[in-house]
PDB file of all heavy atoms in Angstrom:
ATOM      1  N   ALA A   1      -7.446  66.508  57.207  1.00  0.00           N
ATOM      2  CA  ALA A   1      -6.178  65.871  56.853  1.00  0.00           C
ATOM      3  C   ALA A   1      -5.278  65.700  58.071  1.00  0.00           C
ATOM      4  O   ALA A   1      -4.566  64.692  58.194  1.00  0.00           O
ATOM      5  CB  ALA A   1      -5.467  66.686  55.778  1.00  0.00           C
ATOM      6  N   LEU A   2      -5.286  66.666  58.961  1.00  0.00           N
ATOM      7  CA  LEU A   2      -4.483  66.548  60.183  1.00  0.00           C
ATOM      8  C   LEU A   2      -4.920  65.332  61.000  1.00  0.00           C
ATOM      9  O   LEU A   2      -4.084  64.581  61.526  1.00  0.00           O
ATOM     10  CB  LEU A   2      -4.602  67.820  61.016  1.00  0.00           C
ATOM     11  CG  LEU A   2      -3.859  69.054  60.488  1.00  0.00           C
ATOM     12  CD1 LEU A   2      -4.254  70.296  61.287  1.00  0.00           C
ATOM     13  CD2 LEU A   2      -2.344  68.843  60.562  1.00  0.00           C
ATOM     14  N   LYS A   3      -6.212  65.102  61.084  1.00  0.00           N
ATOM     15  CA  LYS A   3      -6.716  63.955  61.832  1.00  0.00           C
ATOM     16  C   LYS A   3      -6.361  62.644  61.131  1.00  0.00           C
ATOM     17  O   LYS A   3      -5.963  61.668  61.767  1.00  0.00           O
ATOM     18  CB  LYS A   3      -8.233  64.078  62.014  1.00  0.00           C
ATOM     19  CG  LYS A   3      -8.664  65.194  62.949  1.00  0.00           C
ATOM     20  CD  LYS A   3     -10.186  65.251  63.069  1.00  0.00           C
ATOM     21  CE  LYS A   3     -10.626  66.367  64.016  1.00  0.00           C
ATOM     22  NZ  LYS A   3     -12.112  66.450  64.113  1.00  0.00           N
ATOM     23  N   GLU A   4      -6.523  62.634  59.807  1.00  0.00           N
ATOM     24  CA  GLU A   4      -6.230  61.415  59.045  1.00  0.00           C
ATOM     25  C   GLU A   4      -4.760  61.022  59.168  1.00  0.00           C
ATOM     26  O   GLU A   4      -4.428  59.862  59.436  1.00  0.00           O
ATOM     27  CB  GLU A   4      -6.591  61.620  57.571  1.00  0.00           C
ATOM     28  CG  GLU A   4      -6.267  60.423  56.694  1.00  0.00           C
ATOM     29  CD  GLU A   4      -6.456  60.721  55.213  1.00  0.00           C
ATOM     30  OE1 GLU A   4      -7.058  61.762  54.879  1.00  0.00           O
ATOM     31  OE2 GLU A   4      -6.005  59.911  54.392  1.00  0.00           O
ATOM     32  N   TRP A   5      -3.864  61.982  58.971  1.00  0.00           N
ATOM     33  CA  TRP A   5      -2.439  61.686  59.025  1.00  0.00           C
ATOM     34  C   TRP A   5      -2.004  61.369  60.448  1.00  0.00           C
ATOM     35  O   TRP A   5      -1.145  60.507  60.663  1.00  0.00           O
ATOM     36  CB  TRP A   5      -1.638  62.851  58.471  1.00  0.00           C
ATOM     37  CG  TRP A   5      -1.827  63.115  56.998  1.00  0.00           C
ATOM     38  CD1 TRP A   5      -2.936  62.835  56.244  1.00  0.00           C
ATOM     39  CD2 TRP A   5      -0.889  63.724  56.115  1.00  0.00           C
ATOM     40  NE1 TRP A   5      -2.756  63.244  54.952  1.00  0.00           N
ATOM     41  CE2 TRP A   5      -1.508  63.783  54.834  1.00  0.00           C
ATOM     42  CE3 TRP A   5       0.382  64.248  56.267  1.00  0.00           C
ATOM     43  CZ2 TRP A   5      -0.862  64.338  53.726  1.00  0.00           C
ATOM     44  CZ3 TRP A   5       1.037  64.799  55.164  1.00  0.00           C
ATOM     45  CH2 TRP A   5       0.424  64.841  53.912  1.00  0.00           C
ATOM     46  N   ALA A   6      -2.590  62.062  61.433  1.00  0.00           N
ATOM     47  CA  ALA A   6      -2.212  61.820  62.833  1.00  0.00           C
ATOM     48  C   ALA A   6      -2.504  60.382  63.243  1.00  0.00           C
ATOM     49  O   ALA A   6      -1.768  59.791  64.057  1.00  0.00           O
ATOM     50  CB  ALA A   6      -2.950  62.788  63.760  1.00  0.00           C
ATOM     51  N   HIS A   7      -3.568  59.816  62.693  1.00  0.00           N
ATOM     52  CA  HIS A   7      -3.876  58.415  63.002  1.00  0.00           C
ATOM     53  C   HIS A   7      -2.734  57.507  62.556  1.00  0.00           C
ATOM     54  O   HIS A   7      -2.329  56.587  63.296  1.00  0.00           O
ATOM     55  CB  HIS A   7      -5.176  58.011  62.311  1.00  0.00           C
ATOM     56  CG  HIS A   7      -5.450  56.540  62.375  1.00  0.00           C
ATOM     57  ND1 HIS A   7      -5.751  55.886  63.559  1.00  0.00           N
ATOM     58  CD2 HIS A   7      -5.452  55.583  61.392  1.00  0.00           C
ATOM     59  CE1 HIS A   7      -5.925  54.597  63.312  1.00  0.00           C
ATOM     60  NE2 HIS A   7      -5.757  54.396  62.017  1.00  0.00           N
ATOM     61  N   ILE A   8      -2.192  57.760  61.378  1.00  0.00           N
ATOM     62  CA  ILE A   8      -1.068  56.959  60.880  1.00  0.00           C
ATOM     63  C   ILE A   8       0.167  57.179  61.753  1.00  0.00           C
ATOM     64  O   ILE A   8       0.868  56.230  62.113  1.00  0.00           O
ATOM     65  CB  ILE A   8      -0.764  57.300  59.413  1.00  0.00           C
ATOM     66  CG1 ILE A   8      -1.975  56.976  58.533  1.00  0.00           C
ATOM     67  CG2 ILE A   8       0.470  56.550  58.933  1.00  0.00           C
ATOM     68  CD1 ILE A   8      -2.394  55.522  58.541  1.00  0.00           C
ATOM     69  N   TYR A   9       0.443  58.440  62.103  1.00  0.00           N
ATOM     70  CA  TYR A   9       1.583  58.713  62.987  1.00  0.00           C
ATOM     71  C   TYR A   9       1.466  57.904  64.281  1.00  0.00           C
ATOM     72  O   TYR A   9       2.444  57.342  64.782  1.00  0.00           O
ATOM     73  CB  TYR A   9       1.658  60.195  63.362  1.00  0.00           C
ATOM     74  CG  TYR A   9       1.705  61.182  62.220  1.00  0.00           C
ATOM     75  CD1 TYR A   9       1.256  62.496  62.395  1.00  0.00           C
ATOM     76  CD2 TYR A   9       2.193  60.826  60.965  1.00  0.00           C
ATOM     77  CE1 TYR A   9       1.300  63.417  61.365  1.00  0.00           C
ATOM     78  CE2 TYR A   9       2.238  61.742  59.935  1.00  0.00           C
ATOM     79  CZ  TYR A   9       1.791  63.044  60.142  1.00  0.00           C
ATOM     80  OH  TYR A   9       1.830  63.961  59.127  1.00  0.00           O
ATOM     81  N   GLN A  10       0.273  57.859  64.818  1.00  0.00           N
ATOM     82  CA  GLN A  10       0.052  57.262  66.129  1.00  0.00           C
ATOM     83  C   GLN A  10       0.219  55.747  66.120  1.00  0.00           C
ATOM     84  O   GLN A  10       0.735  55.172  67.094  1.00  0.00           O
ATOM     85  CB  GLN A  10      -1.346  57.622  66.638  1.00  0.00           C
ATOM     86  CG  GLN A  10      -1.643  57.169  68.049  1.00  0.00           C
ATOM     87  CD  GLN A  10      -2.993  57.660  68.547  1.00  0.00           C
ATOM     88  OE1 GLN A  10      -3.822  58.120  67.757  1.00  0.00           O
ATOM     89  NE2 GLN A  10      -3.216  57.583  69.838  1.00  0.00           N
ATOM     90  N   ILE A  11      -0.184  55.086  65.048  1.00  0.00           N
ATOM     91  CA  ILE A  11      -0.180  53.626  65.061  1.00  0.00           C
ATOM     92  C   ILE A  11       1.163  53.018  64.696  1.00  0.00           C
ATOM     93  O   ILE A  11       1.385  51.823  64.933  1.00  0.00           O
ATOM     94  CB  ILE A  11      -1.259  53.058  64.114  1.00  0.00           C
ATOM     95  CG1 ILE A  11      -0.960  53.440  62.661  1.00  0.00           C
ATOM     96  CG2 ILE A  11      -2.648  53.525  64.549  1.00  0.00           C
ATOM     97  CD1 ILE A  11      -1.925  52.811  61.658  1.00  0.00           C
ATOM     98  N   LEU A  12       2.080  53.799  64.128  1.00  0.00           N
ATOM     99  CA  LEU A  12       3.356  53.238  63.701  1.00  0.00           C
ATOM    100  C   LEU A  12       4.352  53.189  64.853  1.00  0.00           C
ATOM    101  O   LEU A  12       4.576  54.200  65.529  1.00  0.00           O
ATOM    102  CB  LEU A  12       3.949  54.043  62.553  1.00  0.00           C
ATOM    103  CG  LEU A  12       3.151  54.055  61.243  1.00  0.00           C
ATOM    104  CD1 LEU A  12       3.936  54.783  60.164  1.00  0.00           C
ATOM    105  CD2 LEU A  12       2.800  52.645  60.789  1.00  0.00           C
ATOM    106  N   PRO A  13       4.985  52.051  65.077  1.00  0.00           N
ATOM    107  CA  PRO A  13       5.978  51.974  66.160  1.00  0.00           C
ATOM    108  C   PRO A  13       7.228  52.793  65.895  1.00  0.00           C
ATOM    109  O   PRO A  13       7.888  53.231  66.829  1.00  0.00           O
ATOM    110  CB  PRO A  13       6.290  50.480  66.249  1.00  0.00           C
ATOM    111  CG  PRO A  13       5.869  49.910  64.933  1.00  0.00           C
ATOM    112  CD  PRO A  13       4.726  50.744  64.461  1.00  0.00           C
ATOM    113  N   ARG A  14       7.554  52.996  64.603  1.00  0.00           N
ATOM    114  CA  ARG A  14       8.714  53.831  64.276  1.00  0.00           C
ATOM    115  C   ARG A  14       8.382  54.694  63.070  1.00  0.00           C
ATOM    116  O   ARG A  14       7.807  54.233  62.094  1.00  0.00           O
ATOM    117  CB  ARG A  14       9.945  52.977  63.975  1.00  0.00           C
ATOM    118  CG  ARG A  14      11.167  53.811  63.558  1.00  0.00           C
ATOM    119  CD  ARG A  14      12.437  53.035  63.575  1.00  0.00           C
ATOM    120  NE  ARG A  14      13.591  53.887  63.286  1.00  0.00           N
ATOM    121  CZ  ARG A  14      14.825  53.638  63.671  1.00  0.00           C
ATOM    122  NH1 ARG A  14      15.086  52.546  64.390  1.00  0.00           N
ATOM    123  NH2 ARG A  14      15.813  54.453  63.380  1.00  0.00           N
ATOM    124  N   LEU A  15       8.777  55.959  63.141  1.00  0.00           N
ATOM    125  CA  LEU A  15       8.611  56.890  62.030  1.00  0.00           C
ATOM    126  C   LEU A  15       9.666  57.975  62.170  1.00  0.00           C
ATOM    127  O   LEU A  15       9.712  58.677  63.174  1.00  0.00           O
ATOM    128  CB  LEU A  15       7.207  57.498  62.023  1.00  0.00           C
ATOM    129  CG  LEU A  15       6.885  58.496  60.916  1.00  0.00           C
ATOM    130  CD1 LEU A  15       7.183  57.909  59.543  1.00  0.00           C
ATOM    131  CD2 LEU A  15       5.424  58.937  61.004  1.00  0.00           C
ATOM    132  N   ASP A  16      10.526  58.101  61.154  1.00  0.00           N
ATOM    133  CA  ASP A  16      11.637  59.048  61.211  1.00  0.00           C
ATOM    134  C   ASP A  16      11.462  60.257  60.317  1.00  0.00           C
ATOM    135  O   ASP A  16      12.048  61.304  60.588  1.00  0.00           O
ATOM    136  CB  ASP A  16      12.945  58.329  60.832  1.00  0.00           C
ATOM    137  CG  ASP A  16      13.299  57.230  61.811  1.00  0.00           C
ATOM    138  OD1 ASP A  16      13.893  57.541  62.854  1.00  0.00           O
ATOM    139  OD2 ASP A  16      12.969  56.057  61.540  1.00  0.00           O
ATOM    140  N   ALA A  17      10.671  60.135  59.258  1.00  0.00           N
ATOM    141  CA  ALA A  17      10.513  61.269  58.344  1.00  0.00           C
ATOM    142  C   ALA A  17       9.286  61.095  57.462  1.00  0.00           C
ATOM    143  O   ALA A  17       8.897  59.976  57.123  1.00  0.00           O
ATOM    144  CB  ALA A  17      11.754  61.429  57.467  1.00  0.00           C
ATOM    145  N   ILE A  18       8.697  62.233  57.097  1.00  0.00           N
ATOM    146  CA  ILE A  18       7.601  62.303  56.129  1.00  0.00           C
ATOM    147  C   ILE A  18       8.113  63.040  54.896  1.00  0.00           C
ATOM    148  O   ILE A  18       8.766  64.083  55.006  1.00  0.00           O
ATOM    149  CB  ILE A  18       6.391  63.061  56.705  1.00  0.00           C
ATOM    150  CG1 ILE A  18       5.824  62.343  57.928  1.00  0.00           C
ATOM    151  CG2 ILE A  18       5.312  63.240  55.638  1.00  0.00           C
ATOM    152  CD1 ILE A  18       5.147  61.038  57.627  1.00  0.00           C
ATOM    153  N   PHE A  19       7.815  62.485  53.727  1.00  0.00           N
ATOM    154  CA  PHE A  19       8.123  63.156  52.467  1.00  0.00           C
ATOM    155  C   PHE A  19       6.818  63.397  51.726  1.00  0.00           C
ATOM    156  O   PHE A  19       6.113  62.455  51.375  1.00  0.00           O
ATOM    157  CB  PHE A  19       9.090  62.322  51.624  1.00  0.00           C
ATOM    158  CG  PHE A  19       9.080  62.628  50.147  1.00  0.00           C
ATOM    159  CD1 PHE A  19       8.972  63.938  49.681  1.00  0.00           C
ATOM    160  CD2 PHE A  19       9.194  61.609  49.215  1.00  0.00           C
ATOM    161  CE1 PHE A  19       8.959  64.220  48.325  1.00  0.00           C
ATOM    162  CE2 PHE A  19       9.175  61.878  47.852  1.00  0.00           C
ATOM    163  CZ  PHE A  19       9.055  63.182  47.405  1.00  0.00           C
ATOM    164  N   VAL A  20       6.498  64.667  51.482  1.00  0.00           N
ATOM    165  CA  VAL A  20       5.270  65.033  50.780  1.00  0.00           C
ATOM    166  C   VAL A  20       5.634  65.565  49.397  1.00  0.00           C
ATOM    167  O   VAL A  20       6.295  66.601  49.277  1.00  0.00           O
ATOM    168  CB  VAL A  20       4.474  66.100  51.563  1.00  0.00           C
ATOM    169  CG1 VAL A  20       3.187  66.446  50.819  1.00  0.00           C
ATOM    170  CG2 VAL A  20       4.175  65.618  52.973  1.00  0.00           C
ATOM    171  N   PRO A  21       5.234  64.856  48.326  1.00  0.00           N
ATOM    172  CA  PRO A  21       5.519  65.353  46.979  1.00  0.00           C
ATOM    173  C   PRO A  21       4.596  66.513  46.626  1.00  0.00           C
ATOM    174  O   PRO A  21       3.401  66.490  46.945  1.00  0.00           O
ATOM    175  CB  PRO A  21       5.238  64.133  46.094  1.00  0.00           C
ATOM    176  CG  PRO A  21       4.215  63.346  46.854  1.00  0.00           C
ATOM    177  CD  PRO A  21       4.529  63.565  48.316  1.00  0.00           C
ATOM    178  N   GLY A  22       5.139  67.518  45.953  1.00  0.00           N
ATOM    179  CA  GLY A  22       4.310  68.643  45.536  1.00  0.00           C
ATOM    180  C   GLY A  22       3.381  68.298  44.391  1.00  0.00           C
ATOM    181  O   GLY A  22       2.374  68.965  44.178  1.00  0.00           O
ATOM    182  N   GLY A  23       3.738  67.253  43.650  1.00  0.00           N
ATOM    183  CA  GLY A  23       2.915  66.783  42.546  1.00  0.00           C
ATOM    184  C   GLY A  23       3.177  65.313  42.303  1.00  0.00           C
ATOM    185  O   GLY A  23       4.069  64.722  42.897  1.00  0.00           O
ATOM    186  N   ASP A  24       2.359  64.727  41.400  1.00  0.00           N
ATOM    187  CA  ASP A  24       2.508  63.305  41.059  1.00  0.00           C
ATOM    188  C   ASP A  24       2.375  62.397  42.264  1.00  0.00           C
ATOM    189  O   ASP A  24       3.290  61.616  42.560  1.00  0.00           O
ATOM    190  CB  ASP A  24       3.834  63.063  40.340  1.00  0.00           C
ATOM    191  CG  ASP A  24       3.901  61.666  39.713  1.00  0.00           C
ATOM    192  OD1 ASP A  24       2.836  61.091  39.420  1.00  0.00           O
ATOM    193  OD2 ASP A  24       5.020  61.146  39.541  1.00  0.00           O
ATOM    194  N   PRO A  25       1.234  62.409  42.977  1.00  0.00           N
ATOM    195  CA  PRO A  25       0.057  63.246  42.752  1.00  0.00           C
ATOM    196  C   PRO A  25       0.110  64.518  43.595  1.00  0.00           C
ATOM    197  O   PRO A  25       0.998  64.688  44.422  1.00  0.00           O
ATOM    198  CB  PRO A  25      -1.068  62.335  43.211  1.00  0.00           C
ATOM    199  CG  PRO A  25      -0.466  61.593  44.363  1.00  0.00           C
ATOM    200  CD  PRO A  25       0.974  61.374  43.993  1.00  0.00           C
ATOM    201  N   GLY A  26      -0.889  65.357  43.415  1.00  0.00           N
ATOM    202  CA  GLY A  26      -0.990  66.599  44.163  1.00  0.00           C
ATOM    203  C   GLY A  26      -1.032  67.790  43.232  1.00  0.00           C
ATOM    204  O   GLY A  26      -0.537  67.734  42.109  1.00  0.00           O
ATOM    205  N   HIS A  27      -1.622  68.872  43.708  1.00  0.00           N
ATOM    206  CA  HIS A  27      -1.765  70.063  42.863  1.00  0.00           C
ATOM    207  C   HIS A  27      -1.958  71.293  43.752  1.00  0.00           C
ATOM    208  O   HIS A  27      -2.803  72.130  43.486  1.00  0.00           O
ATOM    209  CB  HIS A  27      -2.955  69.896  41.909  1.00  0.00           C
ATOM    210  CG  HIS A  27      -4.211  69.453  42.595  1.00  0.00           C
ATOM    211  ND1 HIS A  27      -4.521  68.126  42.757  1.00  0.00           N
ATOM    212  CD2 HIS A  27      -5.206  70.148  43.210  1.00  0.00           C
ATOM    213  CE1 HIS A  27      -5.660  68.025  43.418  1.00  0.00           C
ATOM    214  NE2 HIS A  27      -6.107  69.247  43.707  1.00  0.00           N
ATOM    215  N   THR A  28      -1.145  71.389  44.796  1.00  0.00           N
ATOM    216  CA  THR A  28      -1.281  72.501  45.742  1.00  0.00           C
ATOM    217  C   THR A  28      -0.157  73.502  45.535  1.00  0.00           C
ATOM    218  O   THR A  28       1.014  73.129  45.472  1.00  0.00           O
ATOM    219  CB  THR A  28      -1.253  71.979  47.192  1.00  0.00           C
ATOM    220  OG1 THR A  28      -2.303  71.028  47.363  1.00  0.00           O
ATOM    221  CG2 THR A  28      -1.423  73.114  48.184  1.00  0.00           C
ATOM    222  N   ALA A  29      -0.501  74.770  45.448  1.00  0.00           N
ATOM    223  CA  ALA A  29       0.493  75.831  45.283  1.00  0.00           C
ATOM    224  C   ALA A  29       1.408  75.896  46.510  1.00  0.00           C
ATOM    225  O   ALA A  29       1.030  75.464  47.602  1.00  0.00           O
ATOM    226  CB  ALA A  29      -0.208  77.167  45.064  1.00  0.00           C
ATOM    227  N   PRO A  30       2.624  76.428  46.348  1.00  0.00           N
ATOM    228  CA  PRO A  30       3.596  76.407  47.447  1.00  0.00           C
ATOM    229  C   PRO A  30       3.115  77.050  48.740  1.00  0.00           C
ATOM    230  O   PRO A  30       3.314  76.478  49.820  1.00  0.00           O
ATOM    231  CB  PRO A  30       4.792  77.166  46.857  1.00  0.00           C
ATOM    232  CG  PRO A  30       4.690  76.934  45.394  1.00  0.00           C
ATOM    233  CD  PRO A  30       3.225  76.913  45.090  1.00  0.00           C
ATOM    234  N   LYS A  31       2.478  78.216  48.677  1.00  0.00           N
ATOM    235  CA  LYS A  31       2.123  78.917  49.916  1.00  0.00           C
ATOM    236  C   LYS A  31       1.174  78.099  50.791  1.00  0.00           C
ATOM    237  O   LYS A  31       1.465  77.872  51.978  1.00  0.00           O
ATOM    238  CB  LYS A  31       1.538  80.283  49.598  1.00  0.00           C
ATOM    239  CG  LYS A  31       1.322  81.151  50.840  1.00  0.00           C
ATOM    240  CD  LYS A  31       0.890  82.573  50.461  1.00  0.00           C
ATOM    241  CE  LYS A  31       0.704  83.423  51.711  1.00  0.00           C
ATOM    242  NZ  LYS A  31       0.294  84.826  51.354  1.00  0.00           N
ATOM    243  N   PRO A  32       0.021  77.628  50.284  1.00  0.00           N
ATOM    244  CA  PRO A  32      -0.830  76.790  51.131  1.00  0.00           C
ATOM    245  C   PRO A  32      -0.185  75.448  51.481  1.00  0.00           C
ATOM    246  O   PRO A  32      -0.452  74.891  52.550  1.00  0.00           O
ATOM    247  CB  PRO A  32      -2.103  76.604  50.307  1.00  0.00           C
ATOM    248  CG  PRO A  32      -1.720  76.929  48.905  1.00  0.00           C
ATOM    249  CD  PRO A  32      -0.630  77.932  48.997  1.00  0.00           C
ATOM    250  N   MET A  33       0.674  74.937  50.594  1.00  0.00           N
ATOM    251  CA  MET A  33       1.347  73.674  50.887  1.00  0.00           C
ATOM    252  C   MET A  33       2.285  73.823  52.085  1.00  0.00           C
ATOM    253  O   MET A  33       2.270  73.002  53.014  1.00  0.00           O
ATOM    254  CB  MET A  33       2.139  73.205  49.668  1.00  0.00           C
ATOM    255  CG  MET A  33       3.030  71.989  49.944  1.00  0.00           C
ATOM    256  SD  MET A  33       2.112  70.482  50.314  1.00  0.00           S
ATOM    257  CE  MET A  33       1.814  69.883  48.657  1.00  0.00           C
ATOM    258  N   PHE A  34       3.065  74.879  52.108  1.00  0.00           N
ATOM    259  CA  PHE A  34       3.987  75.106  53.224  1.00  0.00           C
ATOM    260  C   PHE A  34       3.211  75.293  54.531  1.00  0.00           C
ATOM    261  O   PHE A  34       3.599  74.769  55.581  1.00  0.00           O
ATOM    262  CB  PHE A  34       4.882  76.315  52.944  1.00  0.00           C
ATOM    263  CG  PHE A  34       6.105  75.990  52.131  1.00  0.00           C
ATOM    264  CD1 PHE A  34       6.144  76.241  50.770  1.00  0.00           C
ATOM    265  CD2 PHE A  34       7.230  75.443  52.734  1.00  0.00           C
ATOM    266  CE1 PHE A  34       7.267  75.945  50.013  1.00  0.00           C
ATOM    267  CE2 PHE A  34       8.359  75.147  51.995  1.00  0.00           C
ATOM    268  CZ  PHE A  34       8.391  75.395  50.631  1.00  0.00           C
ATOM    269  N   ALA A  35       2.133  76.059  54.465  1.00  0.00           N
ATOM    270  CA  ALA A  35       1.334  76.276  55.676  1.00  0.00           C
ATOM    271  C   ALA A  35       0.753  74.963  56.195  1.00  0.00           C
ATOM    272  O   ALA A  35       0.730  74.710  57.411  1.00  0.00           O
ATOM    273  CB  ALA A  35       0.218  77.280  55.384  1.00  0.00           C
ATOM    274  N   PHE A  36       0.294  74.114  55.274  1.00  0.00           N
ATOM    275  CA  PHE A  36      -0.264  72.820  55.651  1.00  0.00           C
ATOM    276  C   PHE A  36       0.804  71.916  56.264  1.00  0.00           C
ATOM    277  O   PHE A  36       0.583  71.262  57.296  1.00  0.00           O
ATOM    278  CB  PHE A  36      -0.889  72.174  54.415  1.00  0.00           C
ATOM    279  CG  PHE A  36      -1.312  70.743  54.610  1.00  0.00           C
ATOM    280  CD1 PHE A  36      -2.313  70.407  55.506  1.00  0.00           C
ATOM    281  CD2 PHE A  36      -0.694  69.725  53.885  1.00  0.00           C
ATOM    282  CE1 PHE A  36      -2.704  69.076  55.677  1.00  0.00           C
ATOM    283  CE2 PHE A  36      -1.082  68.405  54.043  1.00  0.00           C
ATOM    284  CZ  PHE A  36      -2.088  68.078  54.945  1.00  0.00           C
ATOM    285  N   LEU A  37       1.970  71.870  55.651  1.00  0.00           N
ATOM    286  CA  LEU A  37       3.034  70.983  56.138  1.00  0.00           C
ATOM    287  C   LEU A  37       3.592  71.446  57.484  1.00  0.00           C
ATOM    288  O   LEU A  37       4.026  70.612  58.291  1.00  0.00           O
ATOM    289  CB  LEU A  37       4.155  70.875  55.101  1.00  0.00           C
ATOM    290  CG  LEU A  37       3.764  70.221  53.764  1.00  0.00           C
ATOM    291  CD1 LEU A  37       4.996  70.009  52.902  1.00  0.00           C
ATOM    292  CD2 LEU A  37       3.045  68.904  53.988  1.00  0.00           C
ATOM    293  N   GLU A  38       3.581  72.740  57.731  1.00  0.00           N
ATOM    294  CA  GLU A  38       4.015  73.218  59.042  1.00  0.00           C
ATOM    295  C   GLU A  38       3.106  72.666  60.132  1.00  0.00           C
ATOM    296  O   GLU A  38       3.573  72.231  61.200  1.00  0.00           O
ATOM    297  CB  GLU A  38       4.033  74.739  59.073  1.00  0.00           C
ATOM    298  CG  GLU A  38       4.554  75.304  60.401  1.00  0.00           C
ATOM    299  CD  GLU A  38       4.681  76.809  60.389  1.00  0.00           C
ATOM    300  OE1 GLU A  38       4.210  77.455  59.416  1.00  0.00           O
ATOM    301  OE2 GLU A  38       5.242  77.364  61.358  1.00  0.00           O
ATOM    302  N   LYS A  39       1.818  72.642  59.862  1.00  0.00           N
ATOM    303  CA  LYS A  39       0.869  72.078  60.829  1.00  0.00           C
ATOM    304  C   LYS A  39       1.064  70.563  60.959  1.00  0.00           C
ATOM    305  O   LYS A  39       1.014  70.002  62.062  1.00  0.00           O
ATOM    306  CB  LYS A  39      -0.572  72.389  60.404  1.00  0.00           C
ATOM    307  CG  LYS A  39      -0.976  73.851  60.518  1.00  0.00           C
ATOM    308  CD  LYS A  39      -2.427  74.045  60.138  1.00  0.00           C
ATOM    309  CE  LYS A  39      -2.908  75.480  60.381  1.00  0.00           C
ATOM    310  NZ  LYS A  39      -2.231  76.438  59.507  1.00  0.00           N
ATOM    311  N   GLN A  40       1.305  69.913  59.841  1.00  0.00           N
ATOM    312  CA  GLN A  40       1.510  68.464  59.882  1.00  0.00           C
ATOM    313  C   GLN A  40       2.783  68.105  60.660  1.00  0.00           C
ATOM    314  O   GLN A  40       2.805  67.115  61.393  1.00  0.00           O
ATOM    315  CB  GLN A  40       1.607  67.895  58.465  1.00  0.00           C
ATOM    316  CG  GLN A  40       0.278  67.749  57.753  1.00  0.00           C
ATOM    317  CD  GLN A  40      -0.570  66.605  58.312  1.00  0.00           C
ATOM    318  OE1 GLN A  40      -0.235  65.975  59.312  1.00  0.00           O
ATOM    319  NE2 GLN A  40      -1.704  66.362  57.680  1.00  0.00           N
ATOM    320  N   ARG A  41       3.801  68.911  60.507  1.00  0.00           N
ATOM    321  CA  ARG A  41       5.039  68.624  61.232  1.00  0.00           C
ATOM    322  C   ARG A  41       4.836  68.755  62.728  1.00  0.00           C
ATOM    323  O   ARG A  41       5.353  67.946  63.519  1.00  0.00           O
ATOM    324  CB  ARG A  41       6.147  69.559  60.757  1.00  0.00           C
ATOM    325  CG  ARG A  41       7.549  69.008  60.949  1.00  0.00           C
ATOM    326  CD  ARG A  41       8.207  69.614  62.163  1.00  0.00           C
ATOM    327  NE  ARG A  41       9.652  69.581  62.027  1.00  0.00           N
ATOM    328  CZ  ARG A  41      10.486  70.223  62.806  1.00  0.00           C
ATOM    329  NH1 ARG A  41      10.033  70.973  63.793  1.00  0.00           N
ATOM    330  NH2 ARG A  41      11.791  70.141  62.641  1.00  0.00           N
ATOM    331  N   ALA A  42       4.078  69.747  63.159  1.00  0.00           N
ATOM    332  CA  ALA A  42       3.777  69.899  64.586  1.00  0.00           C
ATOM    333  C   ALA A  42       2.983  68.699  65.092  1.00  0.00           C
ATOM    334  O   ALA A  42       3.226  68.191  66.201  1.00  0.00           O
ATOM    335  CB  ALA A  42       3.001  71.195  64.818  1.00  0.00           C
ATOM    336  N   SER A  43       2.046  68.225  64.299  1.00  0.00           N
ATOM    337  CA  SER A  43       1.278  67.037  64.669  1.00  0.00           C
ATOM    338  C   SER A  43       2.178  65.807  64.734  1.00  0.00           C
ATOM    339  O   SER A  43       2.082  64.991  65.667  1.00  0.00           O
ATOM    340  CB  SER A  43       0.146  66.816  63.661  1.00  0.00           C
ATOM    341  OG  SER A  43      -0.510  65.594  63.893  1.00  0.00           O
ATOM    342  N   LEU A  44       3.043  65.666  63.752  1.00  0.00           N
ATOM    343  CA  LEU A  44       3.973  64.534  63.697  1.00  0.00           C
ATOM    344  C   LEU A  44       4.830  64.452  64.948  1.00  0.00           C
ATOM    345  O   LEU A  44       5.031  63.370  65.530  1.00  0.00           O
ATOM    346  CB  LEU A  44       4.851  64.688  62.443  1.00  0.00           C
ATOM    347  CG  LEU A  44       6.024  63.724  62.273  1.00  0.00           C
ATOM    348  CD1 LEU A  44       5.529  62.301  62.096  1.00  0.00           C
ATOM    349  CD2 LEU A  44       6.876  64.159  61.062  1.00  0.00           C
ATOM    350  N   ARG A  45       5.326  65.597  65.397  1.00  0.00           N
ATOM    351  CA  ARG A  45       6.228  65.638  66.549  1.00  0.00           C
ATOM    352  C   ARG A  45       5.519  65.253  67.857  1.00  0.00           C
ATOM    353  O   ARG A  45       6.180  64.900  68.832  1.00  0.00           O
ATOM    354  CB  ARG A  45       6.845  67.030  66.680  1.00  0.00           C
ATOM    355  CG  ARG A  45       7.907  67.343  65.609  1.00  0.00           C
ATOM    356  CD  ARG A  45       9.143  66.506  65.847  1.00  0.00           C
ATOM    357  NE  ARG A  45      10.220  66.751  64.910  1.00  0.00           N
ATOM    358  CZ  ARG A  45      11.280  67.534  65.124  1.00  0.00           C
ATOM    359  NH1 ARG A  45      11.384  68.192  66.278  1.00  0.00           N
ATOM    360  NH2 ARG A  45      12.224  67.667  64.216  1.00  0.00           N
TER     361      ARG A  45
END
């Protein structure tokens, strides 16, 4: 997922924020979700 999302980050000329819904769709419990998003935020930056 880090590789997939990083590709999108890289190709966009402008990106100011990512919003990840916890559900609709999605079904990840808070603890693994927070850990995943922390890694995604580092990749985004």
